[in-house]
């Protein structure tokens, strides 16, 4: 699997789970597009590709419903993680803010 090869994942199951969650969260996006976007942001910012994939697994559906694109979602996660340096906390923070803005 391509995501396993370009990321820090050590398990095919974890990489596959993250990729499936992300593609289910965003409509009309291919696996390759997701992998390319994750890898590009991971290579450019302090977040790893694995961290971004796991963060997107947590927030993709909420952010898509809120009207965010995958690019915007990755930017929110990368910026949040840059400050917090913990993708689990960063993704939950982004998710919480998106839900509060939506009034859910």
Protein backbone atom coordinates (compact mmCIF):
# COMPACT_ATOMS: atom_id res chain seq x y z
CA UNK A 1 0.00 0.00 0.00
CA UNK A 2 1.28 3.42 -0.99
CA UNK A 3 0.42 5.17 2.31
CA UNK A 4 2.45 2.64 4.27
CA UNK A 5 5.43 3.29 1.99
CA UNK A 6 5.37 7.10 2.16
CA UNK A 7 4.49 7.49 5.83
CA UNK A 8 5.68 6.50 9.26
CA UNK A 9 2.99 3.81 9.63
CA UNK A 10 4.39 0.42 10.59
CA UNK A 11 1.14 -1.49 10.21
CA UNK A 12 -0.83 -1.97 7.00
CA UNK A 13 -4.02 -2.23 9.07
CA UNK A 14 -3.50 1.19 10.69
CA UNK A 15 -2.66 2.82 7.36
CA UNK A 16 -5.67 1.25 5.67
CA UNK A 17 -8.01 2.24 8.50
CA UNK A 18 -6.87 5.87 8.34
CA UNK A 19 -7.14 6.01 4.55
CA UNK A 20 -10.64 4.51 4.53
CA UNK A 21 -11.87 6.92 7.21
CA UNK A 22 -10.54 9.92 5.32
CA UNK A 23 -12.01 8.89 1.97
CA UNK A 24 -15.37 8.17 3.59
CA UNK A 25 -15.32 11.62 5.17
CA UNK A 26 -14.72 13.47 1.92
CA UNK A 27 -16.73 12.84 -1.22
CA UNK A 28 -15.21 12.33 -4.64
CA UNK A 29 -11.58 11.92 -3.59
CA UNK A 30 -9.35 9.02 -4.55
CA UNK A 31 -6.93 7.18 -2.31
CA UNK A 32 -4.00 8.52 -4.31
CA UNK A 33 -5.21 12.11 -3.94
CA UNK A 34 -5.49 11.69 -0.17
CA UNK A 35 -2.05 10.11 0.09
CA UNK A 36 -0.46 12.82 -2.06
CA UNK A 37 -2.05 15.59 0.03
CA UNK A 38 -1.07 13.97 3.34
CA UNK A 39 2.49 13.43 2.15
CA UNK A 40 2.86 16.97 0.79
CA UNK A 41 1.74 18.56 4.06
CA UNK A 42 3.74 16.06 6.11
CA UNK A 43 6.88 16.89 4.16
CA UNK A 44 6.35 20.65 4.47
CA UNK A 45 5.33 21.11 8.11
CA UNK A 46 6.17 19.76 11.55
CA UNK A 47 3.43 17.11 11.41
CA UNK A 48 4.29 13.66 10.11
CA UNK A 49 2.23 12.01 7.40
CA UNK A 50 1.14 9.39 9.93
CA UNK A 51 0.06 12.03 12.45
CA UNK A 52 -1.90 13.90 9.79
CA UNK A 53 -3.61 10.69 8.65
CA UNK A 54 -4.57 9.79 12.20
CA UNK A 55 -5.77 13.34 12.87
CA UNK A 56 -7.83 13.35 9.68
CA UNK A 57 -9.31 10.02 10.73
CA UNK A 58 -10.72 11.83 13.78
CA UNK A 59 -12.00 14.97 12.06
CA UNK A 60 -12.66 14.32 8.37
CA UNK A 61 -16.39 13.72 8.58
CA UNK A 62 -17.06 16.61 10.96
CA UNK A 63 -15.01 19.08 8.91
CA UNK A 64 -16.53 17.96 5.61
CA UNK A 65 -20.03 18.40 7.02
CA UNK A 66 -18.95 21.85 8.22
CA UNK A 67 -18.08 22.74 4.64
CA UNK A 68 -14.30 22.38 4.76
CA UNK A 69 -12.30 20.86 1.94
CA UNK A 70 -9.62 18.28 2.57
CA UNK A 71 -6.99 20.97 1.98
CA UNK A 72 -8.57 23.26 4.57
CA UNK A 73 -8.87 20.38 7.01
CA UNK A 74 -5.21 19.45 6.62
CA UNK A 75 -4.24 23.10 7.11
CA UNK A 76 -6.28 23.31 10.32
CA UNK A 77 -4.67 20.14 11.67
CA UNK A 78 -1.13 21.12 10.71
CA UNK A 79 -1.50 24.58 12.25
CA UNK A 80 -3.08 23.20 15.42
CA UNK A 81 -0.45 20.50 15.79
CA UNK A 82 2.33 23.03 15.24
CA UNK A 83 1.27 24.74 18.46
CA UNK A 84 0.22 21.75 20.56
CA UNK A 85 2.72 19.14 19.27
CA UNK A 86 0.22 16.36 19.99
CA UNK A 87 -1.95 15.34 17.05
CA UNK A 88 -4.50 13.57 19.24
CA UNK A 89 -5.14 16.76 21.21
CA UNK A 90 -4.95 18.95 18.11
CA UNK A 91 -7.48 16.84 16.18
CA UNK A 92 -9.88 16.71 19.11
CA UNK A 93 -9.58 20.48 19.52
CA UNK A 94 -10.34 21.08 15.83
CA UNK A 95 -13.25 18.64 16.01
CA UNK A 96 -14.67 20.33 19.13
CA UNK A 97 -14.45 23.81 17.60
CA UNK A 98 -16.10 22.64 14.36
CA UNK A 99 -18.95 21.02 16.29
CA UNK A 100 -19.47 24.09 18.46
CA UNK A 101 -19.55 26.36 15.44
CA UNK A 102 -22.12 24.06 13.84
CA UNK A 103 -24.17 24.24 17.02
CA UNK A 104 -24.22 20.49 17.57
